[in-house]
Amino acid sequence: MKAINVCTSSVLAAALSLASPHATAGIVQYGNGIVQYGNGIVQWGNSIVQWGNRIVQWG
């Protein structure tokens, strides 16, 4: 199965745009990337960005 190449910055930007006080809790999964905008977690491959606690892990 061939991996799908996406722009990580675009994924993170889209995920951050979903993060709002009025955002409905939910999970969006695309390939091996997971965006969970209920409690503000973005995971794509080995990278994870968690805003709210302001934790960024890359690699």
PDB file of N, CA and C in Angstrom:
ATOM      1  N   MET A   1       0.837  -1.188   0.000  1.00  0.00           N
ATOM      2  CA  MET A   1       0.000   0.000   0.000  1.00  0.00           C
ATOM      3  C   MET A   1       0.873   1.239   0.000  1.00  0.00           C
ATOM      4  N   LYS A   2       0.650   2.111  -0.945  1.00  0.00           N
ATOM      5  CA  LYS A   2       1.508   3.277  -1.109  1.00  0.00           C
ATOM      6  C   LYS A   2       1.079   4.407  -0.176  1.00  0.00           C
ATOM      7  N   ALA A   3       2.063   5.037   0.443  1.00  0.00           N
ATOM      8  CA  ALA A   3       1.769   6.131   1.369  1.00  0.00           C
ATOM      9  C   ALA A   3       1.323   7.370   0.606  1.00  0.00           C
ATOM     10  N   ILE A   4       0.417   8.096   1.220  1.00  0.00           N
ATOM     11  CA  ILE A   4      -0.077   9.327   0.605  1.00  0.00           C
ATOM     12  C   ILE A   4       0.728  10.506   1.137  1.00  0.00           C
ATOM     13  N   ASN A   5       1.308  11.268   0.229  1.00  0.00           N
ATOM     14  CA  ASN A   5       2.092  12.428   0.629  1.00  0.00           C
ATOM     15  C   ASN A   5       1.196  13.649   0.773  1.00  0.00           C
ATOM     16  N   VAL A   6       1.309  14.312   1.897  1.00  0.00           N
ATOM     17  CA  VAL A   6       0.536  15.525   2.124  1.00  0.00           C
ATOM     18  C   VAL A   6       1.448  16.589   2.713  1.00  0.00           C
ATOM     19  N   CYS A   7       1.022  17.814   2.625  1.00  0.00           N
ATOM     20  CA  CYS A   7       1.786  18.908   3.214  1.00  0.00           C
ATOM     21  C   CYS A   7       1.456  18.974   4.697  1.00  0.00           C
ATOM     22  N   THR A   8       2.447  18.711   5.523  1.00  0.00           N
ATOM     23  CA  THR A   8       2.216  18.664   6.963  1.00  0.00           C
ATOM     24  C   THR A   8       1.760  20.009   7.500  1.00  0.00           C
ATOM     25  N   SER A   9       2.342  21.086   6.983  1.00  0.00           N
ATOM     26  CA  SER A   9       1.962  22.410   7.463  1.00  0.00           C
ATOM     27  C   SER A   9       0.507  22.714   7.153  1.00  0.00           C
ATOM     28  N   SER A  10       0.027  22.244   6.016  1.00  0.00           N
ATOM     29  CA  SER A  10      -1.376  22.442   5.663  1.00  0.00           C
ATOM     30  C   SER A  10      -2.286  21.640   6.581  1.00  0.00           C
ATOM     31  N   VAL A  11      -1.838  20.452   6.929  1.00  0.00           N
ATOM     32  CA  VAL A  11      -2.616  19.606   7.835  1.00  0.00           C
ATOM     33  C   VAL A  11      -2.712  20.252   9.205  1.00  0.00           C
ATOM     34  N   LEU A  12      -1.592  20.757   9.693  1.00  0.00           N
ATOM     35  CA  LEU A  12      -1.587  21.395  11.002  1.00  0.00           C
ATOM     36  C   LEU A  12      -2.409  22.675  10.997  1.00  0.00           C
ATOM     37  N   ALA A  13      -2.315  23.424   9.908  1.00  0.00           N
ATOM     38  CA  ALA A  13      -3.093  24.656   9.800  1.00  0.00           C
ATOM     39  C   ALA A  13      -4.589  24.363   9.793  1.00  0.00           C
ATOM     40  N   ALA A  14      -4.962  23.323   9.073  1.00  0.00           N
ATOM     41  CA  ALA A  14      -6.370  22.929   9.029  1.00  0.00           C
ATOM     42  C   ALA A  14      -6.845  22.453  10.395  1.00  0.00           C
ATOM     43  N   ALA A  15      -5.990  21.716  11.074  1.00  0.00           N
ATOM     44  CA  ALA A  15      -6.352  21.212  12.397  1.00  0.00           C
ATOM     45  C   ALA A  15      -6.493  22.343  13.405  1.00  0.00           C
ATOM     46  N   LEU A  16      -5.578  23.299  13.329  1.00  0.00           N
ATOM     47  CA  LEU A  16      -5.640  24.429  14.242  1.00  0.00           C
ATOM     48  C   LEU A  16      -6.860  25.296  13.972  1.00  0.00           C
ATOM     49  N   SER A  17      -7.275  25.354  12.719  1.00  0.00           N
ATOM     50  CA  SER A  17      -8.465  26.130  12.382  1.00  0.00           C
ATOM     51  C   SER A  17      -9.718  25.475  12.949  1.00  0.00           C
ATOM     52  N   LEU A  18      -9.662  24.161  13.158  1.00  0.00           N
ATOM     53  CA  LEU A  18     -10.787  23.447  13.755  1.00  0.00           C
ATOM     54  C   LEU A  18     -10.843  23.653  15.262  1.00  0.00           C
ATOM     55  N   ALA A  19      -9.710  24.004  15.841  1.00  0.00           N
ATOM     56  CA  ALA A  19      -9.644  24.155  17.289  1.00  0.00           C
ATOM     57  C   ALA A  19     -10.226  25.497  17.698  1.00  0.00           C
ATOM     58  N   SER A  20     -11.410  25.462  18.222  1.00  0.00           N
ATOM     59  CA  SER A  20     -12.063  26.673  18.695  1.00  0.00           C
ATOM     60  C   SER A  20     -12.925  26.314  19.888  1.00  0.00           C
ATOM     61  N   PRO A  21     -13.288  27.284  20.701  1.00  0.00           N
ATOM     62  CA  PRO A  21     -14.128  26.998  21.869  1.00  0.00           C
ATOM     63  C   PRO A  21     -15.475  26.377  21.491  1.00  0.00           C
ATOM     64  N   HIS A  22     -15.875  26.568  20.235  1.00  0.00           N
ATOM     65  CA  HIS A  22     -17.165  26.063  19.797  1.00  0.00           C
ATOM     66  C   HIS A  22     -17.040  24.792  18.953  1.00  0.00           C
ATOM     67  N   ALA A  23     -15.828  24.269  18.878  1.00  0.00           N
ATOM     68  CA  ALA A  23     -15.615  23.075  18.058  1.00  0.00           C
ATOM     69  C   ALA A  23     -16.279  21.863  18.703  1.00  0.00           C
ATOM     70  N   THR A  24     -16.927  21.085  17.882  1.00  0.00           N
ATOM     71  CA  THR A  24     -17.549  19.861  18.370  1.00  0.00           C
ATOM     72  C   THR A  24     -16.483  18.781  18.516  1.00  0.00           C
ATOM     73  N   ALA A  25     -16.533  18.059  19.608  1.00  0.00           N
ATOM     74  CA  ALA A  25     -15.555  16.999  19.830  1.00  0.00           C
ATOM     75  C   ALA A  25     -15.673  15.938  18.748  1.00  0.00           C
ATOM     76  N   GLY A  26     -14.541  15.530  18.212  1.00  0.00           N
ATOM     77  CA  GLY A  26     -14.556  14.527  17.158  1.00  0.00           C
ATOM     78  C   GLY A  26     -13.163  14.174  16.722  1.00  0.00           C
ATOM     79  N   ILE A  27     -13.068  13.146  15.904  1.00  0.00           N
ATOM     80  CA  ILE A  27     -11.775  12.691  15.397  1.00  0.00           C
ATOM     81  C   ILE A  27     -11.847  12.573  13.883  1.00  0.00           C
ATOM     82  N   VAL A  28     -10.859  13.153  13.209  1.00  0.00           N
ATOM     83  CA  VAL A  28     -10.746  13.026  11.766  1.00  0.00           C
ATOM     84  C   VAL A  28      -9.499  12.207  11.467  1.00  0.00           C
ATOM     85  N   GLN A  29      -9.652  11.121  10.727  1.00  0.00           N
ATOM     86  CA  GLN A  29      -8.518  10.264  10.416  1.00  0.00           C
ATOM     87  C   GLN A  29      -8.330  10.178   8.915  1.00  0.00           C
ATOM     88  N   TYR A  30      -7.095  10.435   8.465  1.00  0.00           N
ATOM     89  CA  TYR A  30      -6.777  10.382   7.045  1.00  0.00           C
ATOM     90  C   TYR A  30      -5.445   9.686   6.882  1.00  0.00           C
ATOM     91  N   GLY A  31      -5.459   8.504   6.338  1.00  0.00           N
ATOM     92  CA  GLY A  31      -4.223   7.727   6.228  1.00  0.00           C
ATOM     93  C   GLY A  31      -3.736   7.359   7.621  1.00  0.00           C
ATOM     94  N   ASN A  32      -2.503   7.717   7.943  1.00  0.00           N
ATOM     95  CA  ASN A  32      -1.980   7.464   9.285  1.00  0.00           C
ATOM     96  C   ASN A  32      -1.997   8.728  10.131  1.00  0.00           C
ATOM     97  N   GLY A  33      -2.635   9.786   9.610  1.00  0.00           N
ATOM     98  CA  GLY A  33      -2.728  11.037  10.347  1.00  0.00           C
ATOM     99  C   GLY A  33      -4.033  11.105  11.123  1.00  0.00           C
ATOM    100  N   ILE A  34      -3.964  11.552  12.360  1.00  0.00           N
ATOM    101  CA  ILE A  34      -5.152  11.676  13.195  1.00  0.00           C
ATOM    102  C   ILE A  34      -5.258  13.107  13.705  1.00  0.00           C
ATOM    103  N   VAL A  35      -6.420  13.697  13.502  1.00  0.00           N
ATOM    104  CA  VAL A  35      -6.683  15.025  14.042  1.00  0.00           C
ATOM    105  C   VAL A  35      -7.836  14.907  15.027  1.00  0.00           C
ATOM    106  N   GLN A  36      -7.555  15.163  16.273  1.00  0.00           N
ATOM    107  CA  GLN A  36      -8.581  15.107  17.304  1.00  0.00           C
ATOM    108  C   GLN A  36      -8.764  16.512  17.855  1.00  0.00           C
ATOM    109  N   TYR A  37      -9.849  17.170  17.433  1.00  0.00           N
ATOM    110  CA  TYR A  37     -10.019  18.576  17.748  1.00  0.00           C
ATOM    111  C   TYR A  37     -10.960  18.824  18.915  1.00  0.00           C
ATOM    112  N   GLY A  38     -11.311  17.772  19.636  1.00  0.00           N
ATOM    113  CA  GLY A  38     -12.126  17.970  20.833  1.00  0.00           C
ATOM    114  C   GLY A  38     -11.281  18.538  21.963  1.00  0.00           C
ATOM    115  N   ASN A  39     -10.152  17.909  22.228  1.00  0.00           N
ATOM    116  CA  ASN A  39      -9.254  18.374  23.279  1.00  0.00           C
ATOM    117  C   ASN A  39      -7.943  18.894  22.715  1.00  0.00           C
ATOM    118  N   GLY A  40      -7.910  19.138  21.421  1.00  0.00           N
ATOM    119  CA  GLY A  40      -6.773  19.818  20.818  1.00  0.00           C
ATOM    120  C   GLY A  40      -5.523  18.988  20.670  1.00  0.00           C
ATOM    121  N   ILE A  41      -5.619  17.867  19.966  1.00  0.00           N
ATOM    122  CA  ILE A  41      -4.432  17.053  19.690  1.00  0.00           C
ATOM    123  C   ILE A  41      -4.329  16.790  18.195  1.00  0.00           C
ATOM    124  N   VAL A  42      -3.148  17.069  17.641  1.00  0.00           N
ATOM    125  CA  VAL A  42      -2.896  16.757  16.243  1.00  0.00           C
ATOM    126  C   VAL A  42      -1.736  15.780  16.182  1.00  0.00           C
ATOM    127  N   GLN A  43      -1.959  14.631  15.562  1.00  0.00           N
ATOM    128  CA  GLN A  43      -0.895  13.645  15.404  1.00  0.00           C
ATOM    129  C   GLN A  43      -0.792  13.265  13.942  1.00  0.00           C
ATOM    130  N   TRP A  44       0.418  13.400  13.390  1.00  0.00           N
ATOM    131  CA  TRP A  44       0.624  13.028  11.993  1.00  0.00           C
ATOM    132  C   TRP A  44       1.934  12.280  11.885  1.00  0.00           C
ATOM    133  N   GLY A  45       1.863  10.995  11.657  1.00  0.00           N
ATOM    134  CA  GLY A  45       3.083  10.188  11.627  1.00  0.00           C
ATOM    135  C   GLY A  45       3.706  10.142  13.016  1.00  0.00           C
ATOM    136  N   ASN A  46       4.948  10.605  13.130  1.00  0.00           N
ATOM    137  CA  ASN A  46       5.631  10.624  14.418  1.00  0.00           C
ATOM    138  C   ASN A  46       5.556  11.984  15.091  1.00  0.00           C
ATOM    139  N   SER A  47       4.893  12.929  14.451  1.00  0.00           N
ATOM    140  CA  SER A  47       4.833  14.279  14.988  1.00  0.00           C
ATOM    141  C   SER A  47       3.527  14.499  15.743  1.00  0.00           C
ATOM    142  N   ILE A  48       3.588  15.208  16.834  1.00  0.00           N
ATOM    143  CA  ILE A  48       2.379  15.517  17.597  1.00  0.00           C
ATOM    144  C   ILE A  48       2.430  16.965  18.075  1.00  0.00           C
ATOM    145  N   VAL A  49       1.304  17.635  17.932  1.00  0.00           N
ATOM    146  CA  VAL A  49       1.180  19.003  18.411  1.00  0.00           C
ATOM    147  C   VAL A  49      -0.024  19.058  19.341  1.00  0.00           C
ATOM    148  N   GLN A  50       0.195  19.490  20.545  1.00  0.00           N
ATOM    149  CA  GLN A  50      -0.896  19.617  21.505  1.00  0.00           C
ATOM    150  C   GLN A  50      -0.947  21.047  22.004  1.00  0.00           C
ATOM    151  N   TRP A  51      -1.967  21.777  21.559  1.00  0.00           N
ATOM    152  CA  TRP A  51      -2.145  23.123  22.065  1.00  0.00           C
ATOM    153  C   TRP A  51      -3.129  23.076  23.217  1.00  0.00           C
ATOM    154  N   GLY A  52      -3.062  24.018  24.109  1.00  0.00           N
ATOM    155  CA  GLY A  52      -3.844  23.953  25.336  1.00  0.00           C
ATOM    156  C   GLY A  52      -2.871  23.733  26.483  1.00  0.00           C
ATOM    157  N   ASN A  53      -2.066  22.708  26.377  1.00  0.00           N
ATOM    158  CA  ASN A  53      -0.937  22.523  27.283  1.00  0.00           C
ATOM    159  C   ASN A  53       0.360  23.007  26.642  1.00  0.00           C
ATOM    160  N   ARG A  54       0.255  23.454  25.393  1.00  0.00           N
ATOM    161  CA  ARG A  54       1.383  24.011  24.644  1.00  0.00           C
ATOM    162  C   ARG A  54       2.561  23.046  24.561  1.00  0.00           C
ATOM    163  N   ILE A  55       2.275  21.834  24.149  1.00  0.00           N
ATOM    164  CA  ILE A  55       3.331  20.834  23.969  1.00  0.00           C
ATOM    165  C   ILE A  55       3.494  20.536  22.483  1.00  0.00           C
ATOM    166  N   VAL A  56       4.727  20.643  21.995  1.00  0.00           N
ATOM    167  CA  VAL A  56       5.006  20.316  20.605  1.00  0.00           C
ATOM    168  C   VAL A  56       6.125  19.291  20.558  1.00  0.00           C
ATOM    169  N   GLN A  57       5.846  18.152  19.946  1.00  0.00           N
ATOM    170  CA  GLN A  57       6.860  17.113  19.770  1.00  0.00           C
ATOM    171  C   GLN A  57       6.997  16.840  18.288  1.00  0.00           C
ATOM    172  N   TRP A  58       8.211  16.907  17.784  1.00  0.00           N
ATOM    173  CA  TRP A  58       8.436  16.721  16.353  1.00  0.00           C
ATOM    174  C   TRP A  58       9.521  15.694  16.131  1.00  0.00           C
ATOM    175  N   GLY A  59       9.178  14.591  15.460  1.00  0.00           N
ATOM    176  CA  GLY A  59      10.163  13.553  15.189  1.00  0.00           C
ATOM    177  C   GLY A  59      10.043  12.389  16.146  1.00  0.00           C
TER     178      GLY A  59
END
